[in-house]
Amino acid sequence: MYVSCLAWIDPSAVMQLVGVELNNNDALSSIRGVYGGVGFTLIAVIIFFTLKNLRHSLLLLAGFWIMYALSRLITIGIDGRLGDFGTKWLTIELLFFGISLALYLLLSKNLKIIKA
């Protein structure tokens, strides 16, 4: 949520995290849209799924985190080694994927036991 708020308020600050300078209004509006608008939409969808079906929410989060990680792995394969920022976030994304998937599987297993 922090990055989404920051993107709407100061999109340049978001991109400074990765050493990119935004020097035109199209770039500013794109960061506001992707990191701000899409970010807030994802937050709303995750909250909705969490309230309606926790298992689906966990599966959505697992997919979200693994796709982020996959994107970084593709970058490594095509463009080469990541910097400190990308390496740190790849580790975090893989960890969050593992946690989300493990919780999903545990919840699914517990529901099967309860139904049996």
PDB file of N, CA and C in Angstrom:
ATOM      1  N   MET A   1       0.825  -1.177   0.000  1.00  0.00           N
ATOM      2  CA  MET A   1       0.000   0.000   0.000  1.00  0.00           C
ATOM      3  C   MET A   1       0.883   1.260   0.000  1.00  0.00           C
ATOM      4  N   TYR A   2       2.032   1.163   0.674  1.00  0.00           N
ATOM      5  CA  TYR A   2       2.941   2.308   0.736  1.00  0.00           C
ATOM      6  C   TYR A   2       3.365   2.753  -0.662  1.00  0.00           C
ATOM      7  N   VAL A   3       3.747   1.795  -1.499  1.00  0.00           N
ATOM      8  CA  VAL A   3       4.213   2.138  -2.842  1.00  0.00           C
ATOM      9  C   VAL A   3       3.079   2.732  -3.663  1.00  0.00           C
ATOM     10  N   SER A   4       1.858   2.220  -3.497  1.00  0.00           N
ATOM     11  CA  SER A   4       0.716   2.773  -4.225  1.00  0.00           C
ATOM     12  C   SER A   4       0.461   4.220  -3.819  1.00  0.00           C
ATOM     13  N   CYS A   5       0.487   4.488  -2.528  1.00  0.00           N
ATOM     14  CA  CYS A   5       0.308   5.870  -2.048  1.00  0.00           C
ATOM     15  C   CYS A   5       1.429   6.761  -2.571  1.00  0.00           C
ATOM     16  N   LEU A   6       2.644   6.285  -2.460  1.00  0.00           N
ATOM     17  CA  LEU A   6       3.800   7.059  -2.914  1.00  0.00           C
ATOM     18  C   LEU A   6       3.712   7.334  -4.414  1.00  0.00           C
ATOM     19  N   ALA A   7       3.245   6.353  -5.180  1.00  0.00           N
ATOM     20  CA  ALA A   7       3.139   6.525  -6.628  1.00  0.00           C
ATOM     21  C   ALA A   7       2.165   7.635  -6.985  1.00  0.00           C
ATOM     22  N   TRP A   8       1.066   7.739  -6.258  1.00  0.00           N
ATOM     23  CA  TRP A   8       0.115   8.810  -6.545  1.00  0.00           C
ATOM     24  C   TRP A   8       0.651  10.168  -6.113  1.00  0.00           C
ATOM     25  N   ILE A   9       1.346  10.203  -4.995  1.00  0.00           N
ATOM     26  CA  ILE A   9       1.849  11.472  -4.457  1.00  0.00           C
ATOM     27  C   ILE A   9       3.118  11.925  -5.178  1.00  0.00           C
ATOM     28  N   ASP A  10       4.068  11.023  -5.341  1.00  0.00           N
ATOM     29  CA  ASP A  10       5.376  11.367  -5.911  1.00  0.00           C
ATOM     30  C   ASP A  10       5.941  10.183  -6.697  1.00  0.00           C
ATOM     31  N   PRO A  11       5.468   9.994  -7.938  1.00  0.00           N
ATOM     32  CA  PRO A  11       5.920   8.842  -8.718  1.00  0.00           C
ATOM     33  C   PRO A  11       7.436   8.793  -8.923  1.00  0.00           C
ATOM     34  N   SER A  12       8.075   9.939  -8.940  1.00  0.00           N
ATOM     35  CA  SER A  12       9.538   9.953  -9.090  1.00  0.00           C
ATOM     36  C   SER A  12      10.223   9.247  -7.931  1.00  0.00           C
ATOM     37  N   ALA A  13       9.651   9.377  -6.728  1.00  0.00           N
ATOM     38  CA  ALA A  13      10.236   8.726  -5.548  1.00  0.00           C
ATOM     39  C   ALA A  13      10.190   7.205  -5.678  1.00  0.00           C
ATOM     40  N   VAL A  14       9.135   6.682  -6.300  1.00  0.00           N
ATOM     41  CA  VAL A  14       9.033   5.233  -6.503  1.00  0.00           C
ATOM     42  C   VAL A  14      10.171   4.759  -7.401  1.00  0.00           C
ATOM     43  N   MET A  15      10.400   5.468  -8.469  1.00  0.00           N
ATOM     44  CA  MET A  15      11.413   5.040  -9.427  1.00  0.00           C
ATOM     45  C   MET A  15      12.833   5.324  -8.951  1.00  0.00           C
ATOM     46  N   GLN A  16      12.988   6.244  -8.018  1.00  0.00           N
ATOM     47  CA  GLN A  16      14.314   6.477  -7.437  1.00  0.00           C
ATOM     48  C   GLN A  16      14.802   5.243  -6.683  1.00  0.00           C
ATOM     49  N   LEU A  17      13.862   4.400  -6.234  1.00  0.00           N
ATOM     50  CA  LEU A  17      14.241   3.166  -5.546  1.00  0.00           C
ATOM     51  C   LEU A  17      15.102   2.265  -6.430  1.00  0.00           C
ATOM     52  N   VAL A  18      14.905   2.375  -7.741  1.00  0.00           N
ATOM     53  CA  VAL A  18      15.685   1.556  -8.674  1.00  0.00           C
ATOM     54  C   VAL A  18      16.585   2.403  -9.568  1.00  0.00           C
ATOM     55  N   GLY A  19      16.783   3.655  -9.186  1.00  0.00           N
ATOM     56  CA  GLY A  19      17.717   4.513  -9.901  1.00  0.00           C
ATOM     57  C   GLY A  19      17.250   4.988 -11.262  1.00  0.00           C
ATOM     58  N   VAL A  20      15.928   5.160 -11.435  1.00  0.00           N
ATOM     59  CA  VAL A  20      15.382   5.618 -12.711  1.00  0.00           C
ATOM     60  C   VAL A  20      14.787   7.008 -12.518  1.00  0.00           C
ATOM     61  N   GLU A  21      15.108   7.899 -13.437  1.00  0.00           N
ATOM     62  CA  GLU A  21      14.589   9.266 -13.367  1.00  0.00           C
ATOM     63  C   GLU A  21      13.407   9.413 -14.317  1.00  0.00           C
ATOM     64  N   LEU A  22      12.323   9.983 -13.815  1.00  0.00           N
ATOM     65  CA  LEU A  22      11.156  10.256 -14.651  1.00  0.00           C
ATOM     66  C   LEU A  22      11.232  11.719 -15.079  1.00  0.00           C
ATOM     67  N   ASN A  23      11.294  11.947 -16.391  1.00  0.00           N
ATOM     68  CA  ASN A  23      11.495  13.314 -16.840  1.00  0.00           C
ATOM     69  C   ASN A  23      10.406  13.847 -17.766  1.00  0.00           C
ATOM     70  N   ASN A  24       9.254  13.177 -17.794  1.00  0.00           N
ATOM     71  CA  ASN A  24       8.137  13.720 -18.576  1.00  0.00           C
ATOM     72  C   ASN A  24       6.814  13.268 -17.964  1.00  0.00           C
ATOM     73  N   ASN A  25       5.749  13.960 -18.331  1.00  0.00           N
ATOM     74  CA  ASN A  25       4.440  13.684 -17.735  1.00  0.00           C
ATOM     75  C   ASN A  25       3.890  12.312 -18.102  1.00  0.00           C
ATOM     76  N   ASP A  26       4.232  11.800 -19.282  1.00  0.00           N
ATOM     77  CA  ASP A  26       3.785  10.454 -19.651  1.00  0.00           C
ATOM     78  C   ASP A  26       4.389   9.411 -18.715  1.00  0.00           C
ATOM     79  N   ALA A  27       5.663   9.575 -18.392  1.00  0.00           N
ATOM     80  CA  ALA A  27       6.323   8.652 -17.460  1.00  0.00           C
ATOM     81  C   ALA A  27       5.702   8.759 -16.073  1.00  0.00           C
ATOM     82  N   LEU A  28       5.453   9.989 -15.617  1.00  0.00           N
ATOM     83  CA  LEU A  28       4.831  10.192 -14.299  1.00  0.00           C
ATOM     84  C   LEU A  28       3.449   9.543 -14.249  1.00  0.00           C
ATOM     85  N   SER A  29       2.650   9.764 -15.305  1.00  0.00           N
ATOM     86  CA  SER A  29       1.291   9.203 -15.300  1.00  0.00           C
ATOM     87  C   SER A  29       1.316   7.677 -15.385  1.00  0.00           C
ATOM     88  N   SER A  30       2.291   7.118 -16.090  1.00  0.00           N
ATOM     89  CA  SER A  30       2.394   5.656 -16.183  1.00  0.00           C
ATOM     90  C   SER A  30       2.706   5.039 -14.829  1.00  0.00           C
ATOM     91  N   ILE A  31       3.616   5.636 -14.073  1.00  0.00           N
ATOM     92  CA  ILE A  31       3.955   5.114 -12.747  1.00  0.00           C
ATOM     93  C   ILE A  31       2.776   5.288 -11.803  1.00  0.00           C
ATOM     94  N   ARG A  32       2.085   6.436 -11.888  1.00  0.00           N
ATOM     95  CA  ARG A  32       0.882   6.626 -11.063  1.00  0.00           C
ATOM     96  C   ARG A  32      -0.157   5.545 -11.384  1.00  0.00           C
ATOM     97  N   GLY A  33      -0.295   5.227 -12.672  1.00  0.00           N
ATOM     98  CA  GLY A  33      -1.282   4.229 -13.077  1.00  0.00           C
ATOM     99  C   GLY A  33      -0.911   2.818 -12.667  1.00  0.00           C
ATOM    100  N   VAL A  34       0.313   2.415 -12.961  1.00  0.00           N
ATOM    101  CA  VAL A  34       0.722   1.033 -12.693  1.00  0.00           C
ATOM    102  C   VAL A  34       0.922   0.787 -11.206  1.00  0.00           C
ATOM    103  N   TYR A  35       1.763   1.592 -10.571  1.00  0.00           N
ATOM    104  CA  TYR A  35       2.059   1.348  -9.155  1.00  0.00           C
ATOM    105  C   TYR A  35       0.981   1.912  -8.238  1.00  0.00           C
ATOM    106  N   GLY A  36       0.314   2.985  -8.656  1.00  0.00           N
ATOM    107  CA  GLY A  36      -0.741   3.566  -7.842  1.00  0.00           C
ATOM    108  C   GLY A  36      -2.083   2.902  -8.100  1.00  0.00           C
ATOM    109  N   GLY A  37      -2.626   3.132  -9.293  1.00  0.00           N
ATOM    110  CA  GLY A  37      -3.958   2.623  -9.624  1.00  0.00           C
ATOM    111  C   GLY A  37      -4.071   1.108  -9.600  1.00  0.00           C
ATOM    112  N   VAL A  38      -3.159   0.436 -10.284  1.00  0.00           N
ATOM    113  CA  VAL A  38      -3.191  -1.029 -10.306  1.00  0.00           C
ATOM    114  C   VAL A  38      -2.883  -1.587  -8.921  1.00  0.00           C
ATOM    115  N   GLY A  39      -1.963  -0.944  -8.213  1.00  0.00           N
ATOM    116  CA  GLY A  39      -1.638  -1.381  -6.849  1.00  0.00           C
ATOM    117  C   GLY A  39      -2.846  -1.336  -5.931  1.00  0.00           C
ATOM    118  N   PHE A  40      -3.587  -0.216  -5.968  1.00  0.00           N
ATOM    119  CA  PHE A  40      -4.784  -0.106  -5.133  1.00  0.00           C
ATOM    120  C   PHE A  40      -5.859  -1.099  -5.569  1.00  0.00           C
ATOM    121  N   THR A  41      -5.954  -1.355  -6.876  1.00  0.00           N
ATOM    122  CA  THR A  41      -6.915  -2.347  -7.366  1.00  0.00           C
ATOM    123  C   THR A  41      -6.567  -3.733  -6.833  1.00  0.00           C
ATOM    124  N   LEU A  42      -5.294  -4.093  -6.870  1.00  0.00           N
ATOM    125  CA  LEU A  42      -4.870  -5.391  -6.333  1.00  0.00           C
ATOM    126  C   LEU A  42      -5.168  -5.500  -4.841  1.00  0.00           C
ATOM    127  N   ILE A  43      -4.939  -4.426  -4.114  1.00  0.00           N
ATOM    128  CA  ILE A  43      -5.251  -4.431  -2.681  1.00  0.00           C
ATOM    129  C   ILE A  43      -6.734  -4.684  -2.468  1.00  0.00           C
ATOM    130  N   ALA A  44      -7.586  -4.006  -3.254  1.00  0.00           N
ATOM    131  CA  ALA A  44      -9.036  -4.188  -3.126  1.00  0.00           C
ATOM    132  C   ALA A  44      -9.444  -5.624  -3.458  1.00  0.00           C
ATOM    133  N   VAL A  45      -8.873  -6.189  -4.514  1.00  0.00           N
ATOM    134  CA  VAL A  45      -9.197  -7.568  -4.910  1.00  0.00           C
ATOM    135  C   VAL A  45      -8.755  -8.555  -3.831  1.00  0.00           C
ATOM    136  N   ILE A  46      -7.577  -8.358  -3.281  1.00  0.00           N
ATOM    137  CA  ILE A  46      -7.083  -9.255  -2.233  1.00  0.00           C
ATOM    138  C   ILE A  46      -7.958  -9.168  -0.991  1.00  0.00           C
ATOM    139  N   ILE A  47      -8.363  -7.957  -0.614  1.00  0.00           N
ATOM    140  CA  ILE A  47      -9.262  -7.803   0.541  1.00  0.00           C
ATOM    141  C   ILE A  47     -10.591  -8.491   0.256  1.00  0.00           C
ATOM    142  N   PHE A  48     -11.142  -8.286  -0.947  1.00  0.00           N
ATOM    143  CA  PHE A  48     -12.412  -8.913  -1.317  1.00  0.00           C
ATOM    144  C   PHE A  48     -12.310 -10.434  -1.225  1.00  0.00           C
ATOM    145  N   PHE A  49     -11.279 -11.007  -1.849  1.00  0.00           N
ATOM    146  CA  PHE A  49     -11.107 -12.460  -1.808  1.00  0.00           C
ATOM    147  C   PHE A  49     -10.887 -12.965  -0.387  1.00  0.00           C
ATOM    148  N   THR A  50     -10.144 -12.209   0.407  1.00  0.00           N
ATOM    149  CA  THR A  50      -9.892 -12.629   1.786  1.00  0.00           C
ATOM    150  C   THR A  50     -11.197 -12.704   2.563  1.00  0.00           C
ATOM    151  N   LEU A  51     -12.072 -11.745   2.349  1.00  0.00           N
ATOM    152  CA  LEU A  51     -13.358 -11.739   3.053  1.00  0.00           C
ATOM    153  C   LEU A  51     -14.305 -12.815   2.527  1.00  0.00           C
ATOM    154  N   LYS A  52     -14.222 -13.115   1.237  1.00  0.00           N
ATOM    155  CA  LYS A  52     -15.128 -14.090   0.625  1.00  0.00           C
ATOM    156  C   LYS A  52     -14.608 -15.525   0.717  1.00  0.00           C
ATOM    157  N   ASN A  53     -13.301 -15.700   0.479  1.00  0.00           N
ATOM    158  CA  ASN A  53     -12.738 -17.047   0.435  1.00  0.00           C
ATOM    159  C   ASN A  53     -11.232 -16.956   0.666  1.00  0.00           C
ATOM    160  N   LEU A  54     -10.807 -17.264   1.857  1.00  0.00           N
ATOM    161  CA  LEU A  54      -9.401 -17.135   2.228  1.00  0.00           C
ATOM    162  C   LEU A  54      -8.502 -17.998   1.346  1.00  0.00           C
ATOM    163  N   ARG A  55      -8.958 -19.192   0.996  1.00  0.00           N
ATOM    164  CA  ARG A  55      -8.143 -20.068   0.145  1.00  0.00           C
ATOM    165  C   ARG A  55      -7.860 -19.415  -1.204  1.00  0.00           C
ATOM    166  N   HIS A  56      -8.894 -18.836  -1.816  1.00  0.00           N
ATOM    167  CA  HIS A  56      -8.696 -18.164  -3.100  1.00  0.00           C
ATOM    168  C   HIS A  56      -7.747 -16.977  -2.957  1.00  0.00           C
ATOM    169  N   SER A  57      -7.864 -16.274  -1.856  1.00  0.00           N
ATOM    170  CA  SER A  57      -6.982 -15.140  -1.603  1.00  0.00           C
ATOM    171  C   SER A  57      -5.527 -15.593  -1.512  1.00  0.00           C
ATOM    172  N   LEU A  58      -5.290 -16.680  -0.803  1.00  0.00           N
ATOM    173  CA  LEU A  58      -3.927 -17.200  -0.675  1.00  0.00           C
ATOM    174  C   LEU A  58      -3.381 -17.680  -2.018  1.00  0.00           C
ATOM    175  N   LEU A  59      -4.242 -18.287  -2.823  1.00  0.00           N
ATOM    176  CA  LEU A  59      -3.822 -18.733  -4.152  1.00  0.00           C
ATOM    177  C   LEU A  59      -3.504 -17.533  -5.046  1.00  0.00           C
ATOM    178  N   LEU A  60      -4.321 -16.490  -4.957  1.00  0.00           N
ATOM    179  CA  LEU A  60      -4.058 -15.264  -5.702  1.00  0.00           C
ATOM    180  C   LEU A  60      -2.714 -14.660  -5.293  1.00  0.00           C
ATOM    181  N   LEU A  61      -2.461 -14.600  -3.995  1.00  0.00           N
ATOM    182  CA  LEU A  61      -1.192 -14.056  -3.508  1.00  0.00           C
ATOM    183  C   LEU A  61      -0.005 -14.907  -3.960  1.00  0.00           C
ATOM    184  N   ALA A  62      -0.164 -16.218  -3.929  1.00  0.00           N
ATOM    185  CA  ALA A  62       0.913 -17.097  -4.396  1.00  0.00           C
ATOM    186  C   ALA A  62       1.210 -16.818  -5.871  1.00  0.00           C
ATOM    187  N   GLY A  63       0.162 -16.701  -6.670  1.00  0.00           N
ATOM    188  CA  GLY A  63       0.346 -16.390  -8.087  1.00  0.00           C
ATOM    189  C   GLY A  63       0.982 -15.031  -8.311  1.00  0.00           C
ATOM    190  N   PHE A  64       0.545 -14.058  -7.543  1.00  0.00           N
ATOM    191  CA  PHE A  64       1.088 -12.701  -7.631  1.00  0.00           C
ATOM    192  C   PHE A  64       2.586 -12.699  -7.367  1.00  0.00           C
ATOM    193  N   TRP A  65       2.992 -13.333  -6.262  1.00  0.00           N
ATOM    194  CA  TRP A  65       4.411 -13.313  -5.882  1.00  0.00           C
ATOM    195  C   TRP A  65       5.277 -14.142  -6.824  1.00  0.00           C
ATOM    196  N   ILE A  66       4.777 -15.276  -7.296  1.00  0.00           N
ATOM    197  CA  ILE A  66       5.609 -16.095  -8.184  1.00  0.00           C
ATOM    198  C   ILE A  66       5.770 -15.420  -9.552  1.00  0.00           C
ATOM    199  N   MET A  67       4.764 -14.675  -9.993  1.00  0.00           N
ATOM    200  CA  MET A  67       4.896 -13.969 -11.266  1.00  0.00           C
ATOM    201  C   MET A  67       5.904 -12.828 -11.159  1.00  0.00           C
ATOM    202  N   TYR A  68       5.920 -12.146 -10.023  1.00  0.00           N
ATOM    203  CA  TYR A  68       6.954 -11.130  -9.795  1.00  0.00           C
ATOM    204  C   TYR A  68       8.335 -11.785  -9.855  1.00  0.00           C
ATOM    205  N   ALA A  69       8.487 -12.891  -9.135  1.00  0.00           N
ATOM    206  CA  ALA A  69       9.779 -13.586  -9.102  1.00  0.00           C
ATOM    207  C   ALA A  69      10.157 -14.089 -10.494  1.00  0.00           C
ATOM    208  N   LEU A  70       9.193 -14.648 -11.215  1.00  0.00           N
ATOM    209  CA  LEU A  70       9.455 -15.139 -12.568  1.00  0.00           C
ATOM    210  C   LEU A  70       9.948 -14.006 -13.466  1.00  0.00           C
ATOM    211  N   SER A  71       9.355 -12.832 -13.321  1.00  0.00           N
ATOM    212  CA  SER A  71       9.786 -11.677 -14.117  1.00  0.00           C
ATOM    213  C   SER A  71      11.244 -11.332 -13.839  1.00  0.00           C
ATOM    214  N   ARG A  72      11.644 -11.415 -12.579  1.00  0.00           N
ATOM    215  CA  ARG A  72      13.047 -11.132 -12.239  1.00  0.00           C
ATOM    216  C   ARG A  72      13.961 -12.238 -12.784  1.00  0.00           C
ATOM    217  N   LEU A  73      13.492 -13.497 -12.727  1.00  0.00           N
ATOM    218  CA  LEU A  73      14.296 -14.603 -13.259  1.00  0.00           C
ATOM    219  C   LEU A  73      14.462 -14.488 -14.774  1.00  0.00           C
ATOM    220  N   ILE A  74      13.419 -14.043 -15.460  1.00  0.00           N
ATOM    221  CA  ILE A  74      13.518 -13.808 -16.904  1.00  0.00           C
ATOM    222  C   ILE A  74      14.549 -12.717 -17.182  1.00  0.00           C
ATOM    223  N   THR A  75      14.518 -11.666 -16.355  1.00  0.00           N
ATOM    224  CA  THR A  75      15.502 -10.588 -16.501  1.00  0.00           C
ATOM    225  C   THR A  75      16.919 -11.121 -16.339  1.00  0.00           C
ATOM    226  N   ILE A  76      17.124 -11.984 -15.349  1.00  0.00           N
ATOM    227  CA  ILE A  76      18.451 -12.581 -15.151  1.00  0.00           C
ATOM    228  C   ILE A  76      18.860 -13.379 -16.388  1.00  0.00           C
ATOM    229  N   GLY A  77      17.933 -14.184 -16.906  1.00  0.00           N
ATOM    230  CA  GLY A  77      18.233 -15.011 -18.075  1.00  0.00           C
ATOM    231  C   GLY A  77      18.517 -14.206 -19.330  1.00  0.00           C
ATOM    232  N   ILE A  78      17.808 -13.110 -19.520  1.00  0.00           N
ATOM    233  CA  ILE A  78      17.959 -12.324 -20.749  1.00  0.00           C
ATOM    234  C   ILE A  78      19.010 -11.223 -20.607  1.00  0.00           C
ATOM    235  N   ASP A  79      18.973 -10.514 -19.486  1.00  0.00           N
ATOM    236  CA  ASP A  79      19.790  -9.305 -19.330  1.00  0.00           C
ATOM    237  C   ASP A  79      20.982  -9.459 -18.396  1.00  0.00           C
ATOM    238  N   GLY A  80      21.002 -10.538 -17.617  1.00  0.00           N
ATOM    239  CA  GLY A  80      22.114 -10.732 -16.690  1.00  0.00           C
ATOM    240  C   GLY A  80      21.736 -10.464 -15.240  1.00  0.00           C
ATOM    241  N   ARG A  81      22.742 -10.501 -14.425  1.00  0.00           N
ATOM    242  CA  ARG A  81      22.616 -10.415 -12.961  1.00  0.00           C
ATOM    243  C   ARG A  81      21.839  -9.175 -12.506  1.00  0.00           C
ATOM    244  N   LEU A  82      21.037  -9.359 -11.449  1.00  0.00           N
ATOM    245  CA  LEU A  82      20.313  -8.250 -10.833  1.00  0.00           C
ATOM    246  C   LEU A  82      21.231  -7.498  -9.882  1.00  0.00           C
ATOM    247  N   GLY A  83      20.862  -6.260  -9.600  1.00  0.00           N
ATOM    248  CA  GLY A  83      21.568  -5.491  -8.582  1.00  0.00           C
ATOM    249  C   GLY A  83      21.078  -5.886  -7.200  1.00  0.00           C
ATOM    250  N   ASP A  84      21.539  -5.164  -6.195  1.00  0.00           N
ATOM    251  CA  ASP A  84      21.158  -5.458  -4.812  1.00  0.00           C
ATOM    252  C   ASP A  84      19.651  -5.362  -4.599  1.00  0.00           C
ATOM    253  N   PHE A  85      19.023  -4.323  -5.164  1.00  0.00           N
ATOM    254  CA  PHE A  85      17.583  -4.124  -5.009  1.00  0.00           C
ATOM    255  C   PHE A  85      16.818  -5.324  -5.563  1.00  0.00           C
ATOM    256  N   GLY A  86      17.095  -5.680  -6.813  1.00  0.00           N
ATOM    257  CA  GLY A  86      16.392  -6.787  -7.452  1.00  0.00           C
ATOM    258  C   GLY A  86      16.637  -8.121  -6.775  1.00  0.00           C
ATOM    259  N   THR A  87      17.865  -8.351  -6.338  1.00  0.00           N
ATOM    260  CA  THR A  87      18.202  -9.602  -5.648  1.00  0.00           C
ATOM    261  C   THR A  87      17.457  -9.714  -4.324  1.00  0.00           C
ATOM    262  N   LYS A  88      17.416  -8.613  -3.586  1.00  0.00           N
ATOM    263  CA  LYS A  88      16.695  -8.611  -2.308  1.00  0.00           C
ATOM    264  C   LYS A  88      15.216  -8.901  -2.530  1.00  0.00           C
ATOM    265  N   TRP A  89      14.618  -8.247  -3.540  1.00  0.00           N
ATOM    266  CA  TRP A  89      13.195  -8.444  -3.776  1.00  0.00           C
ATOM    267  C   TRP A  89      12.886  -9.820  -4.365  1.00  0.00           C
ATOM    268  N   LEU A  90      13.785 -10.383  -5.135  1.00  0.00           N
ATOM    269  CA  LEU A  90      13.579 -11.752  -5.620  1.00  0.00           C
ATOM    270  C   LEU A  90      13.485 -12.710  -4.436  1.00  0.00           C
ATOM    271  N   THR A  91      14.347 -12.535  -3.467  1.00  0.00           N
ATOM    272  CA  THR A  91      14.319 -13.369  -2.256  1.00  0.00           C
ATOM    273  C   THR A  91      13.009 -13.184  -1.503  1.00  0.00           C
ATOM    274  N   ILE A  92      12.588 -11.936  -1.332  1.00  0.00           N
ATOM    275  CA  ILE A  92      11.334 -11.638  -0.622  1.00  0.00           C
ATOM    276  C   ILE A  92      10.150 -12.233  -1.373  1.00  0.00           C
ATOM    277  N   GLU A  93      10.114 -12.063  -2.687  1.00  0.00           N
ATOM    278  CA  GLU A  93       8.999 -12.575  -3.490  1.00  0.00           C
ATOM    279  C   GLU A  93       8.909 -14.097  -3.427  1.00  0.00           C
ATOM    280  N   LEU A  94      10.036 -14.769  -3.491  1.00  0.00           N
ATOM    281  CA  LEU A  94      10.028 -16.234  -3.378  1.00  0.00           C
ATOM    282  C   LEU A  94       9.589 -16.675  -1.986  1.00  0.00           C
ATOM    283  N   LEU A  95      10.005 -15.949  -0.965  1.00  0.00           N
ATOM    284  CA  LEU A  95       9.578 -16.249   0.403  1.00  0.00           C
ATOM    285  C   LEU A  95       8.070 -16.069   0.551  1.00  0.00           C
ATOM    286  N   PHE A  96       7.543 -14.948   0.063  1.00  0.00           N
ATOM    287  CA  PHE A  96       6.100 -14.697   0.156  1.00  0.00           C
ATOM    288  C   PHE A  96       5.305 -15.714  -0.658  1.00  0.00           C
ATOM    289  N   PHE A  97       5.845 -16.129  -1.814  1.00  0.00           N
ATOM    290  CA  PHE A  97       5.199 -17.184  -2.594  1.00  0.00           C
ATOM    291  C   PHE A  97       5.116 -18.463  -1.768  1.00  0.00           C
ATOM    292  N   GLY A  98       6.234 -18.842  -1.164  1.00  0.00           N
ATOM    293  CA  GLY A  98       6.271 -20.064  -0.353  1.00  0.00           C
ATOM    294  C   GLY A  98       5.306 -20.014   0.819  1.00  0.00           C
ATOM    295  N   ILE A  99       5.245 -18.882   1.493  1.00  0.00           N
ATOM    296  CA  ILE A  99       4.331 -18.729   2.633  1.00  0.00           C
ATOM    297  C   ILE A  99       2.887 -18.818   2.164  1.00  0.00           C
ATOM    298  N   SER A 100       2.549 -18.108   1.088  1.00  0.00           N
ATOM    299  CA  SER A 100       1.178 -18.123   0.572  1.00  0.00           C
ATOM    300  C   SER A 100       0.762 -19.525   0.147  1.00  0.00           C
ATOM    301  N   LEU A 101       1.648 -20.205  -0.579  1.00  0.00           N
ATOM    302  CA  LEU A 101       1.335 -21.557  -1.046  1.00  0.00           C
ATOM    303  C   LEU A 101       1.216 -22.525   0.123  1.00  0.00           C
ATOM    304  N   ALA A 102       2.118 -22.428   1.087  1.00  0.00           N
ATOM    305  CA  ALA A 102       2.069 -23.315   2.256  1.00  0.00           C
ATOM    306  C   ALA A 102       0.773 -23.109   3.038  1.00  0.00           C
ATOM    307  N   LEU A 103       0.386 -21.858   3.245  1.00  0.00           N
ATOM    308  CA  LEU A 103      -0.866 -21.588   3.961  1.00  0.00           C
ATOM    309  C   LEU A 103      -2.067 -22.093   3.173  1.00  0.00           C
ATOM    310  N   TYR A 104      -2.045 -21.918   1.849  1.00  0.00           N
ATOM    311  CA  TYR A 104      -3.120 -22.433   1.010  1.00  0.00           C
ATOM    312  C   TYR A 104      -3.229 -23.950   1.149  1.00  0.00           C
ATOM    313  N   LEU A 105      -2.103 -24.643   1.057  1.00  0.00           N
ATOM    314  CA  LEU A 105      -2.112 -26.108   1.156  1.00  0.00           C
ATOM    315  C   LEU A 105      -2.541 -26.576   2.540  1.00  0.00           C
ATOM    316  N   LEU A 106      -2.072 -25.897   3.580  1.00  0.00           N
ATOM    317  CA  LEU A 106      -2.486 -26.254   4.946  1.00  0.00           C
ATOM    318  C   LEU A 106      -3.975 -26.055   5.141  1.00  0.00           C
ATOM    319  N   LEU A 107      -4.489 -24.941   4.653  1.00  0.00           N
ATOM    320  CA  LEU A 107      -5.917 -24.666   4.786  1.00  0.00           C
ATOM    321  C   LEU A 107      -6.732 -25.674   3.986  1.00  0.00           C
ATOM    322  N   SER A 108      -6.272 -26.022   2.789  1.00  0.00           N
ATOM    323  CA  SER A 108      -6.972 -27.014   1.968  1.00  0.00           C
ATOM    324  C   SER A 108      -6.982 -28.372   2.654  1.00  0.00           C
ATOM    325  N   LYS A 109      -5.853 -28.759   3.241  1.00  0.00           N
ATOM    326  CA  LYS A 109      -5.754 -30.040   3.941  1.00  0.00           C
ATOM    327  C   LYS A 109      -6.675 -30.051   5.156  1.00  0.00           C
ATOM    328  N   ASN A 110      -6.691 -28.956   5.908  1.00  0.00           N
ATOM    329  CA  ASN A 110      -7.549 -28.875   7.091  1.00  0.00           C
ATOM    330  C   ASN A 110      -9.018 -28.920   6.717  1.00  0.00           C
ATOM    331  N   LEU A 111      -9.395 -28.318   5.595  1.00  0.00           N
ATOM    332  CA  LEU A 111     -10.787 -28.367   5.160  1.00  0.00           C
ATOM    333  C   LEU A 111     -11.181 -29.783   4.771  1.00  0.00           C
ATOM    334  N   LYS A 112     -10.267 -30.547   4.157  1.00  0.00           N
ATOM    335  CA  LYS A 112     -10.554 -31.936   3.798  1.00  0.00           C
ATOM    336  C   LYS A 112     -10.742 -32.782   5.050  1.00  0.00           C
ATOM    337  N   ILE A 113      -9.942 -32.522   6.071  1.00  0.00           N
ATOM    338  CA  ILE A 113     -10.064 -33.263   7.335  1.00  0.00           C
ATOM    339  C   ILE A 113     -11.396 -32.951   7.998  1.00  0.00           C
ATOM    340  N   ILE A 114     -11.786 -31.688   7.985  1.00  0.00           N
ATOM    341  CA  ILE A 114     -13.051 -31.277   8.609  1.00  0.00           C
ATOM    342  C   ILE A 114     -14.232 -31.897   7.878  1.00  0.00           C
ATOM    343  N   LYS A 115     -14.185 -31.951   6.536  1.00  0.00           N
ATOM    344  CA  LYS A 115     -15.282 -32.505   5.746  1.00  0.00           C
ATOM    345  C   LYS A 115     -15.377 -34.019   5.877  1.00  0.00           C
ATOM    346  N   ALA A 116     -14.275 -34.680   6.202  1.00  0.00           N
ATOM    347  CA  ALA A 116     -14.251 -36.142   6.274  1.00  0.00           C
ATOM    348  C   ALA A 116     -14.974 -36.671   7.485  1.00  0.00           C
TER     349      ALA A 116
END
